[in-house]
Amino acid sequence: MSAQQFVVGITGGIGSGKSAVTDYLEIKGITVVDADKVARVVVEPGTSGLAAIAEHFGRDILLPNGTLDRAALRKIVFDKPDERKVLEGITHPRIREEIARQLSDAGSPYVVLASPLLLESGQSSFADYVVVVDVPESLQLSRTMTRDDNSEQLVKSIMAVQLDRETRLARADTSISNEGTLEELHTRVDALHTDLLRRAQA
C-alpha cells in the first residue's frame, strides 16, 4: 500500500447488510477488496494453497474437476480444532498477502476492505478506519434465515463464532445502521462516503 492509501475496513455480523453498503460504494467508484472472494482465490486450481491443502488432507478433498470440495473440508475441520489450525496456517498467510496486493493496486480515493471477520481475524490491521454495519441480533437472525433458507440453530451457531454486537461496535471507529429500507441505507452511505473522502484527503 502506498503511504497515501486510506483503507476503510467494513464489517458486520451475518445478515447485517455489508454487501448492500459495499455494492453502493462500488457504484460510486470505490474499489472494494472482498476478503471472502480472496479466500476463494488463494485455493483455486493451480495455486500453492490448494496444493498444500491436498497434500495434508488428501486428494479426496478435490472434486473431479480439480477444485476444492469445500463441503468435505468443512466437515473435516468443523469438529477438529487441530485440523482447523492446519487449514488456517495454510490459508491465512496467503489471504493476507493477496489482500495486501489488491489493496495496493487500488486507484480510488480510498479503498474498502470488506470482511465478515475483519475484527476476529486480525485483518483490521490493514484498516485505517473501521466501519461496522449494525443491526439488532434478532434482525440478523430473521434476515439470514429468510435469505439462505437456513435453520435458526445453524444461523445462531454462525453468529456464535462472530463477535457479539456490543464488542463489534466498541471496536469500530463508526457504525452505520441498516434497520430500515435500502433507500434509507443509501442515504446513510452517501453521508459516510462524503466523510470518508474527507478523511482520505486529510
N, C-alpha and C. Protein backbone atom coordinates (compact mmCIF):
# COMPACT_ATOMS: atom_id res chain seq x y z
N MET A 1 0.83 -1.19 0.00
CA MET A 1 0.00 0.00 0.00
C MET A 1 0.87 1.25 0.00
N SER A 2 0.47 2.20 -0.75
CA SER A 2 1.21 3.46 -0.77
C SER A 2 0.91 4.23 0.50
N ALA A 3 1.79 5.19 0.80
CA ALA A 3 1.60 5.97 2.02
C ALA A 3 0.29 6.75 1.97
N GLN A 4 -0.18 7.05 0.76
CA GLN A 4 -1.40 7.86 0.61
C GLN A 4 -2.68 7.01 0.71
N GLN A 5 -2.51 5.70 0.64
CA GLN A 5 -3.67 4.83 0.57
C GLN A 5 -4.46 4.85 1.89
N PHE A 6 -5.73 5.23 1.81
CA PHE A 6 -6.59 5.24 3.00
C PHE A 6 -7.50 4.02 2.91
N VAL A 7 -7.32 3.08 3.84
CA VAL A 7 -8.05 1.81 3.80
C VAL A 7 -9.17 1.83 4.84
N VAL A 8 -10.39 1.58 4.36
CA VAL A 8 -11.56 1.53 5.23
C VAL A 8 -12.02 0.08 5.36
N GLY A 9 -11.96 -0.44 6.58
CA GLY A 9 -12.47 -1.78 6.83
C GLY A 9 -13.97 -1.73 7.09
N ILE A 10 -14.73 -2.54 6.36
CA ILE A 10 -16.18 -2.59 6.58
C ILE A 10 -16.55 -4.01 7.00
N THR A 11 -17.22 -4.11 8.13
CA THR A 11 -17.59 -5.42 8.66
C THR A 11 -18.97 -5.35 9.29
N GLY A 12 -19.42 -6.49 9.80
CA GLY A 12 -20.73 -6.59 10.43
C GLY A 12 -21.08 -8.06 10.55
N GLY A 13 -21.99 -8.36 11.43
CA GLY A 13 -22.39 -9.75 11.60
C GLY A 13 -23.15 -10.27 10.39
N ILE A 14 -23.32 -11.58 10.33
CA ILE A 14 -24.07 -12.20 9.23
C ILE A 14 -25.47 -11.58 9.16
N GLY A 15 -25.91 -11.28 7.95
CA GLY A 15 -27.25 -10.72 7.77
C GLY A 15 -27.36 -9.23 8.05
N SER A 16 -26.21 -8.56 8.29
CA SER A 16 -26.27 -7.13 8.63
C SER A 16 -26.42 -6.25 7.39
N GLY A 17 -26.02 -6.77 6.24
CA GLY A 17 -26.16 -5.98 5.01
C GLY A 17 -24.87 -5.31 4.56
N LYS A 18 -23.73 -5.94 4.88
CA LYS A 18 -22.43 -5.40 4.45
C LYS A 18 -22.38 -5.23 2.93
N SER A 19 -22.89 -6.24 2.23
CA SER A 19 -22.81 -6.22 0.76
C SER A 19 -23.62 -5.06 0.18
N ALA A 20 -24.75 -4.74 0.80
CA ALA A 20 -25.57 -3.63 0.32
C ALA A 20 -24.79 -2.32 0.42
N VAL A 21 -23.98 -2.19 1.47
CA VAL A 21 -23.16 -1.00 1.66
C VAL A 21 -22.02 -0.96 0.63
N THR A 22 -21.29 -2.07 0.52
CA THR A 22 -20.13 -2.08 -0.38
C THR A 22 -20.53 -2.04 -1.85
N ASP A 23 -21.66 -2.66 -2.20
CA ASP A 23 -22.16 -2.59 -3.59
C ASP A 23 -22.43 -1.14 -3.99
N TYR A 24 -23.01 -0.39 -3.06
CA TYR A 24 -23.35 1.01 -3.33
C TYR A 24 -22.08 1.86 -3.45
N LEU A 25 -21.07 1.56 -2.62
CA LEU A 25 -19.81 2.29 -2.71
C LEU A 25 -19.09 1.99 -4.03
N GLU A 26 -19.23 0.75 -4.50
CA GLU A 26 -18.64 0.39 -5.80
C GLU A 26 -19.27 1.20 -6.93
N ILE A 27 -20.57 1.41 -6.84
CA ILE A 27 -21.27 2.24 -7.84
C ILE A 27 -20.68 3.65 -7.85
N LYS A 28 -20.22 4.09 -6.69
CA LYS A 28 -19.63 5.43 -6.57
C LYS A 28 -18.16 5.46 -7.00
N GLY A 29 -17.66 4.33 -7.48
CA GLY A 29 -16.29 4.28 -8.00
C GLY A 29 -15.22 3.89 -6.99
N ILE A 30 -15.65 3.38 -5.85
CA ILE A 30 -14.69 2.96 -4.82
C ILE A 30 -14.32 1.49 -5.04
N THR A 31 -13.02 1.20 -4.99
CA THR A 31 -12.55 -0.18 -5.10
C THR A 31 -12.86 -0.93 -3.80
N VAL A 32 -13.46 -2.11 -3.94
CA VAL A 32 -13.77 -2.95 -2.78
C VAL A 32 -12.99 -4.25 -2.89
N VAL A 33 -12.15 -4.53 -1.91
CA VAL A 33 -11.45 -5.80 -1.80
C VAL A 33 -12.26 -6.67 -0.85
N ASP A 34 -12.77 -7.79 -1.37
CA ASP A 34 -13.67 -8.66 -0.61
C ASP A 34 -12.89 -9.85 -0.06
N ALA A 35 -12.75 -9.92 1.27
CA ALA A 35 -11.95 -10.98 1.90
C ALA A 35 -12.50 -12.37 1.60
N ASP A 36 -13.83 -12.50 1.48
CA ASP A 36 -14.43 -13.80 1.15
C ASP A 36 -14.00 -14.26 -0.24
N LYS A 37 -13.97 -13.32 -1.19
CA LYS A 37 -13.54 -13.67 -2.56
C LYS A 37 -12.06 -14.00 -2.59
N VAL A 38 -11.28 -13.25 -1.82
CA VAL A 38 -9.84 -13.53 -1.74
C VAL A 38 -9.59 -14.93 -1.20
N ALA A 39 -10.38 -15.33 -0.19
CA ALA A 39 -10.23 -16.66 0.41
C ALA A 39 -10.46 -17.76 -0.62
N ARG A 40 -11.31 -17.48 -1.61
CA ARG A 40 -11.55 -18.47 -2.68
C ARG A 40 -10.42 -18.44 -3.71
N VAL A 41 -9.91 -17.24 -4.00
CA VAL A 41 -8.84 -17.08 -4.99
C VAL A 41 -7.59 -17.87 -4.59
N VAL A 42 -7.24 -17.86 -3.29
CA VAL A 42 -5.98 -18.48 -2.87
C VAL A 42 -6.03 -20.01 -2.84
N VAL A 43 -7.21 -20.60 -3.09
CA VAL A 43 -7.29 -22.06 -3.16
C VAL A 43 -7.85 -22.52 -4.51
N GLU A 44 -7.71 -21.68 -5.53
CA GLU A 44 -8.13 -22.07 -6.88
C GLU A 44 -7.16 -23.12 -7.44
N PRO A 45 -7.61 -23.93 -8.41
CA PRO A 45 -6.72 -24.91 -9.03
C PRO A 45 -5.44 -24.24 -9.54
N GLY A 46 -4.30 -24.91 -9.28
CA GLY A 46 -3.02 -24.38 -9.73
C GLY A 46 -2.31 -23.52 -8.70
N THR A 47 -3.00 -23.20 -7.58
CA THR A 47 -2.36 -22.37 -6.55
C THR A 47 -1.59 -23.23 -5.56
N SER A 48 -0.60 -22.62 -4.92
CA SER A 48 0.16 -23.33 -3.88
C SER A 48 -0.75 -23.64 -2.69
N GLY A 49 -1.77 -22.80 -2.48
CA GLY A 49 -2.70 -23.02 -1.38
C GLY A 49 -3.47 -24.33 -1.53
N LEU A 50 -4.00 -24.55 -2.72
CA LEU A 50 -4.76 -25.79 -2.96
C LEU A 50 -3.83 -27.00 -2.91
N ALA A 51 -2.62 -26.87 -3.44
CA ALA A 51 -1.66 -27.97 -3.41
C ALA A 51 -1.33 -28.36 -1.97
N ALA A 52 -1.14 -27.37 -1.11
CA ALA A 52 -0.81 -27.64 0.30
C ALA A 52 -1.99 -28.30 1.03
N ILE A 53 -3.21 -27.85 0.71
CA ILE A 53 -4.40 -28.46 1.33
C ILE A 53 -4.54 -29.92 0.90
N ALA A 54 -4.36 -30.19 -0.40
CA ALA A 54 -4.48 -31.56 -0.91
C ALA A 54 -3.40 -32.46 -0.33
N GLU A 55 -2.20 -31.88 -0.12
CA GLU A 55 -1.10 -32.67 0.42
C GLU A 55 -1.39 -33.10 1.85
N HIS A 56 -1.98 -32.20 2.65
CA HIS A 56 -2.26 -32.54 4.05
C HIS A 56 -3.54 -33.36 4.21
N PHE A 57 -4.61 -32.92 3.54
CA PHE A 57 -5.92 -33.54 3.78
C PHE A 57 -6.22 -34.69 2.81
N GLY A 58 -5.39 -34.86 1.78
CA GLY A 58 -5.59 -35.96 0.83
C GLY A 58 -6.30 -35.50 -0.43
N ARG A 59 -6.10 -36.26 -1.49
CA ARG A 59 -6.68 -35.89 -2.79
C ARG A 59 -8.20 -35.99 -2.80
N ASP A 60 -8.75 -36.72 -1.81
CA ASP A 60 -10.22 -36.85 -1.73
C ASP A 60 -10.89 -35.52 -1.49
N ILE A 61 -10.10 -34.51 -1.09
CA ILE A 61 -10.64 -33.20 -0.78
C ILE A 61 -10.91 -32.40 -2.07
N LEU A 62 -10.51 -32.99 -3.21
CA LEU A 62 -10.72 -32.33 -4.50
C LEU A 62 -11.91 -32.94 -5.23
N LEU A 63 -12.66 -32.09 -5.90
CA LEU A 63 -13.76 -32.55 -6.77
C LEU A 63 -13.18 -33.06 -8.07
N PRO A 64 -13.96 -33.83 -8.86
CA PRO A 64 -13.45 -34.38 -10.12
C PRO A 64 -12.85 -33.32 -11.06
N ASN A 65 -13.35 -32.09 -11.00
CA ASN A 65 -12.82 -31.04 -11.89
C ASN A 65 -11.57 -30.36 -11.32
N GLY A 66 -11.08 -30.86 -10.17
CA GLY A 66 -9.83 -30.33 -9.61
C GLY A 66 -10.00 -29.18 -8.64
N THR A 67 -11.25 -28.74 -8.43
CA THR A 67 -11.48 -27.65 -7.48
C THR A 67 -11.67 -28.22 -6.07
N LEU A 68 -11.58 -27.34 -5.09
CA LEU A 68 -11.69 -27.76 -3.69
C LEU A 68 -13.13 -28.14 -3.34
N ASP A 69 -13.29 -29.27 -2.69
CA ASP A 69 -14.60 -29.69 -2.19
C ASP A 69 -14.79 -29.04 -0.82
N ARG A 70 -15.37 -27.85 -0.83
CA ARG A 70 -15.49 -27.06 0.40
C ARG A 70 -16.32 -27.76 1.47
N ALA A 71 -17.39 -28.41 1.03
CA ALA A 71 -18.28 -29.08 2.00
C ALA A 71 -17.53 -30.20 2.72
N ALA A 72 -16.75 -30.97 1.98
CA ALA A 72 -15.99 -32.08 2.57
C ALA A 72 -14.94 -31.55 3.54
N LEU A 73 -14.27 -30.46 3.15
CA LEU A 73 -13.24 -29.88 4.00
C LEU A 73 -13.86 -29.30 5.28
N ARG A 74 -15.02 -28.64 5.11
CA ARG A 74 -15.71 -28.05 6.26
C ARG A 74 -16.05 -29.14 7.28
N LYS A 75 -16.49 -30.31 6.78
CA LYS A 75 -16.84 -31.42 7.67
C LYS A 75 -15.62 -31.88 8.48
N ILE A 76 -14.47 -31.95 7.82
CA ILE A 76 -13.25 -32.42 8.48
C ILE A 76 -12.82 -31.46 9.59
N VAL A 77 -12.82 -30.16 9.29
CA VAL A 77 -12.25 -29.20 10.25
C VAL A 77 -13.25 -28.72 11.30
N PHE A 78 -14.54 -28.94 11.05
CA PHE A 78 -15.56 -28.37 11.93
C PHE A 78 -15.42 -28.84 13.37
N ASP A 79 -15.20 -30.15 13.55
CA ASP A 79 -15.12 -30.70 14.91
C ASP A 79 -13.69 -30.99 15.36
N LYS A 80 -12.71 -30.60 14.56
CA LYS A 80 -11.31 -30.91 14.89
C LYS A 80 -10.48 -29.63 14.89
N PRO A 81 -10.34 -29.01 16.06
CA PRO A 81 -9.60 -27.75 16.16
C PRO A 81 -8.18 -27.84 15.60
N ASP A 82 -7.51 -28.99 15.80
CA ASP A 82 -6.13 -29.13 15.31
C ASP A 82 -6.08 -29.07 13.79
N GLU A 83 -7.05 -29.73 13.14
CA GLU A 83 -7.09 -29.71 11.68
C GLU A 83 -7.47 -28.32 11.17
N ARG A 84 -8.33 -27.64 11.91
CA ARG A 84 -8.71 -26.28 11.53
C ARG A 84 -7.49 -25.35 11.59
N LYS A 85 -6.65 -25.57 12.62
CA LYS A 85 -5.43 -24.76 12.75
C LYS A 85 -4.49 -25.01 11.57
N VAL A 86 -4.39 -26.26 11.13
CA VAL A 86 -3.55 -26.58 9.97
C VAL A 86 -4.07 -25.83 8.75
N LEU A 87 -5.38 -25.90 8.54
CA LEU A 87 -6.00 -25.23 7.39
C LEU A 87 -5.75 -23.72 7.45
N GLU A 88 -5.94 -23.14 8.63
CA GLU A 88 -5.73 -21.69 8.78
C GLU A 88 -4.26 -21.33 8.56
N GLY A 89 -3.36 -22.22 8.96
CA GLY A 89 -1.93 -21.99 8.75
C GLY A 89 -1.58 -21.96 7.27
N ILE A 90 -2.33 -22.71 6.48
CA ILE A 90 -2.12 -22.72 5.03
C ILE A 90 -2.75 -21.49 4.38
N THR A 91 -4.00 -21.20 4.76
CA THR A 91 -4.75 -20.17 4.03
C THR A 91 -4.51 -18.74 4.52
N HIS A 92 -4.40 -18.52 5.83
CA HIS A 92 -4.36 -17.15 6.35
C HIS A 92 -3.20 -16.31 5.82
N PRO A 93 -1.96 -16.85 5.79
CA PRO A 93 -0.86 -16.03 5.25
C PRO A 93 -1.09 -15.68 3.77
N ARG A 94 -1.64 -16.61 3.02
CA ARG A 94 -1.89 -16.37 1.59
C ARG A 94 -3.01 -15.35 1.40
N ILE A 95 -4.02 -15.42 2.27
CA ILE A 95 -5.13 -14.45 2.21
C ILE A 95 -4.59 -13.04 2.51
N ARG A 96 -3.76 -12.91 3.55
CA ARG A 96 -3.21 -11.61 3.90
C ARG A 96 -2.36 -11.04 2.76
N GLU A 97 -1.57 -11.90 2.14
CA GLU A 97 -0.70 -11.48 1.03
C GLU A 97 -1.53 -10.97 -0.15
N GLU A 98 -2.60 -11.70 -0.46
CA GLU A 98 -3.45 -11.33 -1.60
C GLU A 98 -4.25 -10.06 -1.29
N ILE A 99 -4.72 -9.93 -0.06
CA ILE A 99 -5.42 -8.70 0.35
C ILE A 99 -4.48 -7.51 0.18
N ALA A 100 -3.25 -7.64 0.68
CA ALA A 100 -2.27 -6.54 0.58
C ALA A 100 -2.03 -6.17 -0.88
N ARG A 101 -1.93 -7.20 -1.75
CA ARG A 101 -1.67 -6.94 -3.17
C ARG A 101 -2.84 -6.17 -3.81
N GLN A 102 -4.07 -6.64 -3.52
CA GLN A 102 -5.25 -5.99 -4.11
C GLN A 102 -5.43 -4.56 -3.56
N LEU A 103 -5.16 -4.36 -2.29
CA LEU A 103 -5.28 -3.02 -1.71
C LEU A 103 -4.28 -2.06 -2.37
N SER A 104 -3.05 -2.56 -2.58
CA SER A 104 -2.01 -1.69 -3.15
C SER A 104 -2.28 -1.35 -4.61
N ASP A 105 -3.07 -2.21 -5.29
CA ASP A 105 -3.40 -1.97 -6.71
C ASP A 105 -4.57 -1.00 -6.88
N ALA A 106 -5.27 -0.69 -5.78
CA ALA A 106 -6.49 0.13 -5.88
C ALA A 106 -6.15 1.57 -6.24
N GLY A 107 -6.99 2.15 -7.09
CA GLY A 107 -6.75 3.51 -7.54
C GLY A 107 -7.81 4.52 -7.14
N SER A 108 -8.79 4.10 -6.35
CA SER A 108 -9.88 5.01 -5.96
C SER A 108 -9.43 5.91 -4.80
N PRO A 109 -10.19 7.00 -4.52
CA PRO A 109 -9.78 7.96 -3.47
C PRO A 109 -9.53 7.30 -2.11
N TYR A 110 -10.29 6.30 -1.79
CA TYR A 110 -10.00 5.42 -0.66
C TYR A 110 -10.38 4.02 -1.11
N VAL A 111 -9.94 3.01 -0.38
CA VAL A 111 -10.23 1.62 -0.77
C VAL A 111 -10.88 0.91 0.41
N VAL A 112 -11.85 0.06 0.11
CA VAL A 112 -12.58 -0.67 1.16
C VAL A 112 -12.09 -2.11 1.25
N LEU A 113 -11.84 -2.58 2.46
CA LEU A 113 -11.63 -4.00 2.73
C LEU A 113 -12.88 -4.51 3.41
N ALA A 114 -13.66 -5.30 2.68
CA ALA A 114 -14.91 -5.86 3.22
C ALA A 114 -14.62 -7.26 3.76
N SER A 115 -14.87 -7.47 5.04
CA SER A 115 -14.57 -8.77 5.64
C SER A 115 -15.52 -9.04 6.81
N PRO A 116 -16.23 -10.19 6.76
CA PRO A 116 -17.12 -10.51 7.88
C PRO A 116 -16.36 -10.76 9.18
N LEU A 117 -15.09 -11.18 9.06
CA LEU A 117 -14.29 -11.46 10.25
C LEU A 117 -13.12 -10.48 10.37
N LEU A 118 -13.35 -9.25 9.94
CA LEU A 118 -12.31 -8.21 9.97
C LEU A 118 -11.68 -8.09 11.36
N LEU A 119 -12.53 -8.04 12.40
CA LEU A 119 -12.06 -7.83 13.76
C LEU A 119 -11.59 -9.12 14.42
N GLU A 120 -12.19 -10.25 14.01
CA GLU A 120 -11.83 -11.54 14.61
C GLU A 120 -10.52 -12.09 14.06
N SER A 121 -10.23 -11.79 12.78
CA SER A 121 -9.11 -12.44 12.09
C SER A 121 -7.80 -11.65 12.12
N GLY A 122 -7.86 -10.42 12.64
CA GLY A 122 -6.67 -9.58 12.61
C GLY A 122 -6.52 -8.80 11.31
N GLN A 123 -7.49 -8.97 10.38
CA GLN A 123 -7.41 -8.23 9.12
C GLN A 123 -7.62 -6.72 9.34
N SER A 124 -8.12 -6.35 10.51
CA SER A 124 -8.31 -4.93 10.80
C SER A 124 -6.98 -4.18 10.84
N SER A 125 -5.86 -4.93 10.91
CA SER A 125 -4.55 -4.28 10.89
C SER A 125 -4.28 -3.58 9.55
N PHE A 126 -5.01 -3.97 8.52
CA PHE A 126 -4.89 -3.31 7.22
C PHE A 126 -5.61 -1.96 7.21
N ALA A 127 -6.56 -1.79 8.12
CA ALA A 127 -7.50 -0.67 8.02
C ALA A 127 -7.07 0.56 8.82
N ASP A 128 -7.23 1.73 8.20
CA ASP A 128 -7.02 2.99 8.88
C ASP A 128 -8.27 3.41 9.65
N TYR A 129 -9.43 2.87 9.23
CA TYR A 129 -10.71 3.30 9.78
C TYR A 129 -11.68 2.13 9.65
N VAL A 130 -12.38 1.81 10.72
CA VAL A 130 -13.26 0.63 10.73
C VAL A 130 -14.72 1.06 10.86
N VAL A 131 -15.53 0.57 9.91
CA VAL A 131 -16.97 0.85 9.89
C VAL A 131 -17.72 -0.46 10.13
N VAL A 132 -18.64 -0.45 11.09
CA VAL A 132 -19.49 -1.61 11.34
C VAL A 132 -20.89 -1.33 10.82
N VAL A 133 -21.39 -2.25 10.00
CA VAL A 133 -22.79 -2.20 9.57
C VAL A 133 -23.59 -2.90 10.66
N ASP A 134 -24.49 -2.15 11.29
CA ASP A 134 -25.10 -2.61 12.53
C ASP A 134 -26.60 -2.83 12.40
N VAL A 135 -27.06 -4.00 12.87
CA VAL A 135 -28.49 -4.28 13.03
C VAL A 135 -28.67 -5.07 14.33
N PRO A 136 -29.86 -5.04 14.93
CA PRO A 136 -30.10 -5.87 16.11
C PRO A 136 -29.93 -7.35 15.77
N GLU A 137 -29.51 -8.14 16.76
CA GLU A 137 -29.25 -9.56 16.51
C GLU A 137 -30.51 -10.31 16.07
N SER A 138 -31.66 -9.87 16.54
CA SER A 138 -32.92 -10.53 16.13
C SER A 138 -33.16 -10.35 14.63
N LEU A 139 -32.76 -9.18 14.10
CA LEU A 139 -32.92 -8.91 12.67
C LEU A 139 -31.88 -9.68 11.86
N GLN A 140 -30.66 -9.81 12.39
CA GLN A 140 -29.64 -10.65 11.75
C GLN A 140 -30.19 -12.06 11.54
N LEU A 141 -30.79 -12.57 12.60
CA LEU A 141 -31.30 -13.94 12.61
C LEU A 141 -32.40 -14.11 11.56
N SER A 142 -33.41 -13.24 11.60
CA SER A 142 -34.55 -13.39 10.69
C SER A 142 -34.14 -13.17 9.23
N ARG A 143 -33.28 -12.18 8.99
CA ARG A 143 -32.84 -11.91 7.61
C ARG A 143 -32.05 -13.09 7.03
N THR A 144 -31.15 -13.64 7.84
CA THR A 144 -30.30 -14.72 7.35
C THR A 144 -31.11 -15.99 7.12
N MET A 145 -32.05 -16.27 8.01
CA MET A 145 -32.90 -17.46 7.83
C MET A 145 -33.70 -17.34 6.54
N THR A 146 -34.22 -16.14 6.27
CA THR A 146 -35.01 -15.91 5.05
C THR A 146 -34.14 -15.97 3.81
N ARG A 147 -32.99 -15.30 3.87
CA ARG A 147 -32.10 -15.20 2.70
C ARG A 147 -31.52 -16.54 2.29
N ASP A 148 -31.01 -17.29 3.28
CA ASP A 148 -30.27 -18.52 2.98
C ASP A 148 -31.08 -19.79 3.20
N ASP A 149 -32.35 -19.62 3.62
CA ASP A 149 -33.19 -20.78 3.92
C ASP A 149 -32.50 -21.71 4.92
N ASN A 150 -31.90 -21.12 5.93
CA ASN A 150 -31.20 -21.89 6.97
C ASN A 150 -32.04 -21.97 8.24
N SER A 151 -31.75 -23.00 9.05
CA SER A 151 -32.47 -23.15 10.31
C SER A 151 -31.98 -22.11 11.32
N GLU A 152 -32.83 -21.84 12.29
CA GLU A 152 -32.46 -20.89 13.35
C GLU A 152 -31.21 -21.36 14.09
N GLN A 153 -31.13 -22.67 14.32
CA GLN A 153 -29.98 -23.24 15.04
C GLN A 153 -28.67 -23.01 14.28
N LEU A 154 -28.70 -23.21 12.96
CA LEU A 154 -27.50 -23.03 12.14
C LEU A 154 -27.06 -21.57 12.15
N VAL A 155 -28.01 -20.67 11.98
CA VAL A 155 -27.67 -19.23 11.95
C VAL A 155 -27.11 -18.81 13.30
N LYS A 156 -27.71 -19.31 14.38
CA LYS A 156 -27.21 -18.96 15.72
C LYS A 156 -25.79 -19.49 15.94
N SER A 157 -25.48 -20.66 15.37
CA SER A 157 -24.13 -21.22 15.53
C SER A 157 -23.12 -20.39 14.75
N ILE A 158 -23.53 -19.85 13.59
CA ILE A 158 -22.65 -18.97 12.81
C ILE A 158 -22.42 -17.66 13.58
N MET A 159 -23.50 -17.12 14.13
CA MET A 159 -23.41 -15.87 14.90
C MET A 159 -22.52 -16.06 16.14
N ALA A 160 -22.53 -17.27 16.70
CA ALA A 160 -21.77 -17.53 17.94
C ALA A 160 -20.27 -17.43 17.74
N VAL A 161 -19.77 -17.70 16.51
CA VAL A 161 -18.32 -17.61 16.28
C VAL A 161 -17.90 -16.20 15.87
N GLN A 162 -18.89 -15.33 15.64
CA GLN A 162 -18.57 -13.94 15.34
C GLN A 162 -18.62 -13.13 16.65
N LEU A 163 -18.00 -11.97 16.63
CA LEU A 163 -18.06 -11.10 17.81
C LEU A 163 -19.51 -10.73 18.10
N ASP A 164 -19.82 -10.53 19.38
CA ASP A 164 -21.17 -10.07 19.70
C ASP A 164 -21.31 -8.60 19.32
N ARG A 165 -22.54 -8.15 19.23
CA ARG A 165 -22.83 -6.80 18.72
C ARG A 165 -22.12 -5.71 19.51
N GLU A 166 -22.15 -5.81 20.84
CA GLU A 166 -21.56 -4.76 21.68
C GLU A 166 -20.06 -4.66 21.46
N THR A 167 -19.37 -5.81 21.40
CA THR A 167 -17.92 -5.82 21.21
C THR A 167 -17.56 -5.25 19.84
N ARG A 168 -18.32 -5.64 18.84
CA ARG A 168 -18.07 -5.17 17.47
C ARG A 168 -18.19 -3.65 17.41
N LEU A 169 -19.26 -3.12 17.99
CA LEU A 169 -19.48 -1.67 17.98
C LEU A 169 -18.39 -0.94 18.78
N ALA A 170 -17.95 -1.54 19.88
CA ALA A 170 -16.93 -0.91 20.72
C ALA A 170 -15.59 -0.80 19.99
N ARG A 171 -15.35 -1.72 19.05
CA ARG A 171 -14.06 -1.73 18.34
C ARG A 171 -14.11 -0.97 17.02
N ALA A 172 -15.27 -0.42 16.68
CA ALA A 172 -15.42 0.32 15.42
C ALA A 172 -15.08 1.80 15.61
N ASP A 173 -14.64 2.43 14.52
CA ASP A 173 -14.47 3.88 14.54
C ASP A 173 -15.81 4.57 14.34
N THR A 174 -16.68 3.94 13.57
CA THR A 174 -18.04 4.43 13.41
C THR A 174 -18.93 3.25 13.00
N SER A 175 -20.24 3.46 13.06
CA SER A 175 -21.17 2.41 12.64
C SER A 175 -22.25 3.03 11.76
N ILE A 176 -22.89 2.17 10.99
CA ILE A 176 -23.97 2.62 10.11
C ILE A 176 -25.14 1.66 10.30
N SER A 177 -26.29 2.20 10.64
CA SER A 177 -27.46 1.37 10.93
C SER A 177 -28.14 0.91 9.64
N ASN A 178 -28.52 -0.36 9.62
CA ASN A 178 -29.23 -0.91 8.46
C ASN A 178 -30.53 -1.58 8.90
N GLU A 179 -31.28 -0.89 9.73
CA GLU A 179 -32.55 -1.44 10.22
C GLU A 179 -33.71 -1.14 9.28
N GLY A 180 -33.56 -0.10 8.44
CA GLY A 180 -34.69 0.34 7.63
C GLY A 180 -34.66 -0.14 6.20
N THR A 181 -35.11 0.71 5.29
CA THR A 181 -35.19 0.36 3.87
C THR A 181 -33.84 0.55 3.20
N LEU A 182 -33.72 0.02 1.98
CA LEU A 182 -32.50 0.19 1.20
C LEU A 182 -32.26 1.66 0.89
N GLU A 183 -33.35 2.39 0.65
CA GLU A 183 -33.25 3.82 0.37
C GLU A 183 -32.65 4.57 1.57
N GLU A 184 -33.11 4.21 2.77
CA GLU A 184 -32.58 4.83 4.00
C GLU A 184 -31.10 4.49 4.16
N LEU A 185 -30.75 3.25 3.85
CA LEU A 185 -29.34 2.84 3.95
C LEU A 185 -28.48 3.64 2.98
N HIS A 186 -28.96 3.80 1.75
CA HIS A 186 -28.19 4.55 0.75
C HIS A 186 -27.97 6.00 1.18
N THR A 187 -28.96 6.60 1.83
CA THR A 187 -28.80 7.97 2.34
C THR A 187 -27.68 8.01 3.38
N ARG A 188 -27.64 7.00 4.25
CA ARG A 188 -26.59 6.94 5.27
C ARG A 188 -25.22 6.69 4.63
N VAL A 189 -25.19 5.84 3.60
CA VAL A 189 -23.91 5.56 2.93
C VAL A 189 -23.41 6.79 2.18
N ASP A 190 -24.33 7.58 1.63
CA ASP A 190 -23.93 8.85 0.98
C ASP A 190 -23.17 9.73 1.97
N ALA A 191 -23.71 9.84 3.18
CA ALA A 191 -23.07 10.67 4.22
C ALA A 191 -21.73 10.06 4.63
N LEU A 192 -21.69 8.74 4.76
CA LEU A 192 -20.45 8.05 5.11
C LEU A 192 -19.38 8.28 4.04
N HIS A 193 -19.78 8.15 2.78
CA HIS A 193 -18.86 8.32 1.64
C HIS A 193 -18.25 9.73 1.65
N THR A 194 -19.07 10.73 1.90
CA THR A 194 -18.58 12.11 1.97
C THR A 194 -17.54 12.26 3.09
N ASP A 195 -17.84 11.65 4.23
CA ASP A 195 -16.93 11.71 5.38
C ASP A 195 -15.61 10.97 5.08
N LEU A 196 -15.71 9.82 4.42
CA LEU A 196 -14.50 9.03 4.11
C LEU A 196 -13.63 9.74 3.08
N LEU A 197 -14.25 10.40 2.11
CA LEU A 197 -13.47 11.19 1.13
C LEU A 197 -12.68 12.28 1.86
N ARG A 198 -13.34 12.93 2.82
CA ARG A 198 -12.69 13.99 3.59
C ARG A 198 -11.52 13.42 4.40
N ARG A 199 -11.75 12.28 5.04
CA ARG A 199 -10.69 11.66 5.85
C ARG A 199 -9.51 11.22 4.98
N ALA A 200 -9.82 10.70 3.79
CA ALA A 200 -8.75 10.22 2.90
C ALA A 200 -7.86 11.35 2.41
N GLN A 201 -8.44 12.55 2.34
CA GLN A 201 -7.69 13.71 1.85
C GLN A 201 -6.97 14.46 2.96
N ALA A 202 -7.29 14.10 4.19
CA ALA A 202 -6.70 14.84 5.35
C ALA A 202 -5.21 14.56 5.49
